[in-house]
C-alpha atoms as a PDB file:
ATOM      1  CA  MET A   1      -9.875 -19.108   0.791  1.00  0.00           C
ATOM      2  CA  PRO A   2     -10.048 -16.307   3.256  1.00  0.00           C
ATOM      3  CA  PHE A   3      -6.713 -14.988   4.773  1.00  0.00           C
ATOM      4  CA  PRO A   4      -5.961 -12.113   7.457  1.00  0.00           C
ATOM      5  CA  ILE A   5      -6.339  -8.579   6.502  1.00  0.00           C
ATOM      6  CA  ASP A   6      -4.360  -5.355   8.107  1.00  0.00           C
ATOM      7  CA  GLU A   7      -6.427  -3.027   9.974  1.00  0.00           C
ATOM      8  CA  LYS A   8      -5.625  -0.146   7.588  1.00  0.00           C
ATOM      9  CA  TYR A   9      -8.053  -1.585   4.981  1.00  0.00           C
ATOM     10  CA  ILE A  10     -10.770  -2.113   7.107  1.00  0.00           C
ATOM     11  CA  LYS A  11     -10.561   1.813   8.690  1.00  0.00           C
ATOM     12  CA  GLN A  12     -10.478   2.561   4.405  1.00  0.00           C
ATOM     13  CA  THR A  13     -13.459   0.372   4.076  1.00  0.00           C
ATOM     14  CA  GLU A  14     -15.408   2.453   7.078  1.00  0.00           C
ATOM     15  CA  LEU A  15     -14.390   5.902   5.667  1.00  0.00           C
ATOM     16  CA  GLU A  16     -15.644   5.049   2.328  1.00  0.00           C
ATOM     17  CA  LEU A  17     -18.810   3.812   3.616  1.00  0.00           C
ATOM     18  CA  GLY A  18     -19.032   6.560   6.447  1.00  0.00           C
ATOM     19  CA  VAL A  19     -19.729   3.885   8.858  1.00  0.00           C
ATOM     20  CA  ILE A  20     -18.301   2.040  11.705  1.00  0.00           C
ATOM     21  CA  PHE A  21     -18.492  -1.658  12.123  1.00  0.00           C
ATOM     22  CA  PRO A  22     -18.969  -3.473  15.012  1.00  0.00           C
ATOM     23  CA  SER A  23     -15.786  -4.747  16.625  1.00  0.00           C
ATOM     24  CA  SER A  24     -16.921  -8.129  16.981  1.00  0.00           C
ATOM     25  CA  PHE A  25     -17.171  -8.110  13.285  1.00  0.00           C
ATOM     26  CA  THR A  26     -13.664  -6.688  12.910  1.00  0.00           C
ATOM     27  CA  GLU A  27     -12.056  -8.593  15.074  1.00  0.00           C
ATOM     28  CA  LYS A  28     -13.325 -12.150  13.274  1.00  0.00           C
ATOM     29  CA  MET A  29     -12.428 -10.584   9.904  1.00  0.00           C
ATOM     30  CA  ARG A  30      -9.097  -9.363  10.742  1.00  0.00           C
ATOM     31  CA  ILE A  31      -8.524 -13.092  11.216  1.00  0.00           C
ATOM     32  CA  LYS A  32     -10.245 -14.355   8.322  1.00  0.00           C
ATOM     33  CA  ASN A  33     -11.419 -11.909   6.027  1.00  0.00           C
ATOM     34  CA  GLY A  34     -14.391 -13.313   4.172  1.00  0.00           C
ATOM     35  CA  GLY A  35     -15.330 -16.953   3.616  1.00  0.00           C
ATOM     36  CA  GLU A  36     -18.283 -19.334   3.291  1.00  0.00           C
ATOM     37  CA  ILE A  37     -21.175 -20.118   5.561  1.00  0.00           C
ATOM     38  CA  LEU A  38     -24.269 -22.237   5.899  1.00  0.00           C
ATOM     39  CA  ILE A  39     -27.300 -21.182   7.566  1.00  0.00           C
ATOM     40  CA  THR A  40     -30.367 -22.636   7.562  1.00  0.00           C
ATOM     41  CA  ASN A  41     -29.579 -25.013   4.597  1.00  0.00           C
ATOM     42  CA  ASN A  42     -28.470 -22.032   2.570  1.00  0.00           C
ATOM     43  CA  ASP A  43     -24.858 -21.317   1.499  1.00  0.00           C
ATOM     44  CA  TRP A  44     -23.713 -17.603   2.249  1.00  0.00           C
ATOM     45  CA  LEU A  45     -20.869 -15.856   1.164  1.00  0.00           C
ATOM     46  CA  ILE A  46     -19.213 -13.509   3.516  1.00  0.00           C
ATOM     47  CA  HIS A  47     -17.902 -10.425   1.664  1.00  0.00           C
ATOM     48  CA  PRO A  48     -14.215  -9.418   2.222  1.00  0.00           C
ATOM     49  CA  PHE A  49     -12.631  -6.198   3.204  1.00  0.00           C
ATOM     50  CA  PHE A  50     -10.950  -4.679  -0.099  1.00  0.00           C
ATOM     51  CA  ASP A  51      -7.225  -5.731   0.582  1.00  0.00           C
ATOM     52  CA  LYS A  52      -4.854  -3.933  -1.558  1.00  0.00           C
ATOM     53  CA  LYS A  53      -1.491  -5.627  -0.552  1.00  0.00           C
ATOM     54  CA  ASP A  54      -0.607  -6.896  -3.849  1.00  0.00           C
ATOM     55  CA  LYS A  55      -2.533  -8.382  -6.875  1.00  0.00           C
ATOM     56  CA  LYS A  56      -3.475 -11.795  -5.831  1.00  0.00           C
ATOM     57  CA  ARG A  57      -5.507 -10.150  -2.959  1.00  0.00           C
ATOM     58  CA  ILE A  58      -6.822  -7.173  -5.217  1.00  0.00           C
ATOM     59  CA  SER A  59      -8.274  -9.936  -7.048  1.00  0.00           C
ATOM     60  CA  ARG A  60      -9.488 -12.315  -4.208  1.00  0.00           C
ATOM     61  CA  THR A  61     -11.165  -9.451  -2.541  1.00  0.00           C
ATOM     62  CA  SER A  62     -12.899  -7.603  -5.728  1.00  0.00           C
ATOM     63  CA  ASN A  63     -15.994  -8.910  -4.274  1.00  0.00           C
ATOM     64  CA  HIS A  64     -15.383  -6.631  -1.432  1.00  0.00           C
ATOM     65  CA  ILE A  65     -18.036  -5.074   0.991  1.00  0.00           C
ATOM     66  CA  GLY A  66     -18.117  -1.374  -0.149  1.00  0.00           C
ATOM     67  CA  TYR A  67     -18.411  -2.849  -3.767  1.00  0.00           C
ATOM     68  CA  GLU A  68     -21.408  -4.982  -3.059  1.00  0.00           C
ATOM     69  CA  THR A  69     -23.086  -2.535  -0.798  1.00  0.00           C
ATOM     70  CA  LYS A  70     -22.730   0.360  -3.681  1.00  0.00           C
ATOM     71  CA  GLU A  71     -24.236  -2.281  -5.971  1.00  0.00           C
ATOM     72  CA  ALA A  72     -27.254  -3.214  -3.742  1.00  0.00           C
ATOM     73  CA  LYS A  73     -28.263   0.193  -3.142  1.00  0.00           C
ATOM     74  CA  LYS A  74     -28.821   0.357  -6.752  1.00  0.00           C
ATOM     75  CA  TRP A  75     -31.854  -2.276  -6.283  1.00  0.00           C
ATOM     76  CA  LYS A  76     -35.439  -1.347  -5.831  1.00  0.00           C
ATOM     77  CA  GLY A  77     -36.143  -1.705  -2.291  1.00  0.00           C
ATOM     78  CA  PHE A  78     -33.080  -2.229  -0.602  1.00  0.00           C
ATOM     79  CA  PRO A  79     -32.411  -0.408   2.554  1.00  0.00           C
ATOM     80  CA  LYS A  80     -30.432   2.809   2.071  1.00  0.00           C
ATOM     81  CA  ASN A  81     -28.938   3.104   5.310  1.00  0.00           C
ATOM     82  CA  CYS A  82     -27.677  -0.946   5.320  1.00  0.00           C
ATOM     83  CA  ILE A  83     -24.218  -2.062   4.446  1.00  0.00           C
ATOM     84  CA  VAL A  84     -24.022  -5.704   2.835  1.00  0.00           C
ATOM     85  CA  ILE A  85     -21.574  -8.086   4.244  1.00  0.00           C
ATOM     86  CA  GLY A  86     -22.886 -11.447   2.709  1.00  0.00           C
ATOM     87  CA  SER A  87     -24.833 -12.572   0.236  1.00  0.00           C
ATOM     88  CA  ASP A  88     -26.421 -16.176  -1.246  1.00  0.00           C
ATOM     89  CA  SER A  89     -26.882 -17.403  -4.768  1.00  0.00           C
ATOM     90  CA  TYR A  90     -30.041 -16.228  -4.974  1.00  0.00           C
ATOM     91  CA  GLY A  91     -29.565 -12.560  -4.808  1.00  0.00           C
ATOM     92  CA  ASN A  92     -30.638 -12.055  -1.354  1.00  0.00           C
ATOM     93  CA  LYS A  93     -28.166  -9.985   1.537  1.00  0.00           C
ATOM     94  CA  LEU A  94     -26.814 -10.223   4.851  1.00  0.00           C
ATOM     95  CA  ILE A  95     -27.166  -6.597   5.830  1.00  0.00           C
ATOM     96  CA  LEU A  96     -25.808  -4.687   9.519  1.00  0.00           C
ATOM     97  CA  ARG A  97     -28.084  -1.577  10.188  1.00  0.00           C
ATOM     98  CA  PRO A  98     -26.965   1.524  11.858  1.00  0.00           C
ATOM     99  CA  GLY A  99     -27.829   2.422  15.307  1.00  0.00           C
ATOM    100  CA  ILE A 100     -30.879   4.643  16.002  1.00  0.00           C
ATOM    101  CA  LEU A 101     -28.682   7.159  18.224  1.00  0.00           C
ATOM    102  CA  ASN A 102     -25.664   7.000  16.474  1.00  0.00           C
ATOM    103  CA  LYS A 103     -26.347   6.235  12.541  1.00  0.00           C
ATOM    104  CA  LYS A 104     -22.585   5.774  11.605  1.00  0.00           C
ATOM    105  CA  LYS A 105     -22.118   3.074  13.976  1.00  0.00           C
ATOM    106  CA  LEU A 106     -23.404  -0.357  12.954  1.00  0.00           C
ATOM    107  CA  LYS A 107     -25.065  -2.870  15.370  1.00  0.00           C
ATOM    108  CA  ASP A 108     -24.141  -6.162  15.855  1.00  0.00           C
ATOM    109  CA  THR A 109     -27.405  -7.700  14.544  1.00  0.00           C
ATOM    110  CA  VAL A 110     -27.474  -9.042  11.294  1.00  0.00           C
ATOM    111  CA  TYR A 111     -30.379  -9.055   8.672  1.00  0.00           C
ATOM    112  CA  GLU A 112     -31.350 -11.003   5.383  1.00  0.00           C
ATOM    113  CA  TRP A 113     -32.642  -8.507   2.781  1.00  0.00           C
ATOM    114  CA  ASN A 114     -34.808 -10.317   0.281  1.00  0.00           C
ATOM    115  CA  HIS A 115     -34.006  -9.243  -3.358  1.00  0.00           C
ATOM    116  CA  GLU A 116     -37.494 -10.397  -4.151  1.00  0.00           C
ATOM    117  CA  THR A 117     -40.077  -9.163  -1.938  1.00  0.00           C
ATOM    118  CA  GLY A 118     -37.649  -6.246  -0.755  1.00  0.00           C
ATOM    119  CA  GLU A 119     -38.461  -7.557   3.226  1.00  0.00           C
ATOM    120  CA  THR A 120     -35.857  -7.475   5.921  1.00  0.00           C
ATOM    121  CA  LYS A 121     -35.736  -9.897   8.935  1.00  0.00           C
ATOM    122  CA  LYS A 122     -33.380 -10.292  11.534  1.00  0.00           C
ATOM    123  CA  LEU A 123     -31.158 -13.587  11.066  1.00  0.00           C
ATOM    124  CA  LYS A 124     -28.894 -14.005  13.866  1.00  0.00           C
ATOM    125  CA  LYS A 125     -28.614 -11.704  16.953  1.00  0.00           C
ATOM    126  CA  SER A 126     -25.114 -10.918  17.021  1.00  0.00           C
ATOM    127  CA  ILE A 127     -22.260 -11.147  14.220  1.00  0.00           C
ATOM    128  CA  SER A 128     -20.611 -14.028  16.958  1.00  0.00           C
ATOM    129  CA  GLU A 129     -23.626 -16.095  16.595  1.00  0.00           C
ATOM    130  CA  LEU A 130     -23.134 -15.933  12.430  1.00  0.00           C
ATOM    131  CA  LEU A 131     -19.689 -16.389  12.147  1.00  0.00           C
ATOM    132  CA  LYS A 132     -19.105 -19.223  15.000  1.00  0.00           C
END
C-alpha cells in the first residue's frame, strides 16, 4: 500500500541517479509513493522512491526507482540515459527520458521499453495522464 514520502528521499534518489524528476511526478509521489495502475489492459507497478524512515518503509520500498534503474541498465538494449519508474509482470519498463538541452532534467513524457525487442514507444504524453 503506497504512503506519503519525505522530500529528502526524492532528492537523495535524484543525487544518486544524477537526474531531476519532473515536478508533476514528484508531487504525485510525495502523496502516494508507488502503487499500481492499469494501462491498456496491462497492470503496471509504479516503483517508489527508497524510503529509509524505518524498517517497515525500507522493506516496502525495496523495489525502488534507483535499484530498478540500475538493474535495467544491465539489460541488453536498455537505453542508458533513461530512468525506470515502473514495470509490468512481463519485464517491460515504464521509463522517463532526459531532455535534449538539459541531460539531467527528465521530461514529463512516459515511455514503455519492451524488454524482448528493445524498442521504446511513447505511452503517455505526461505523468499526470499516467497517474490520474
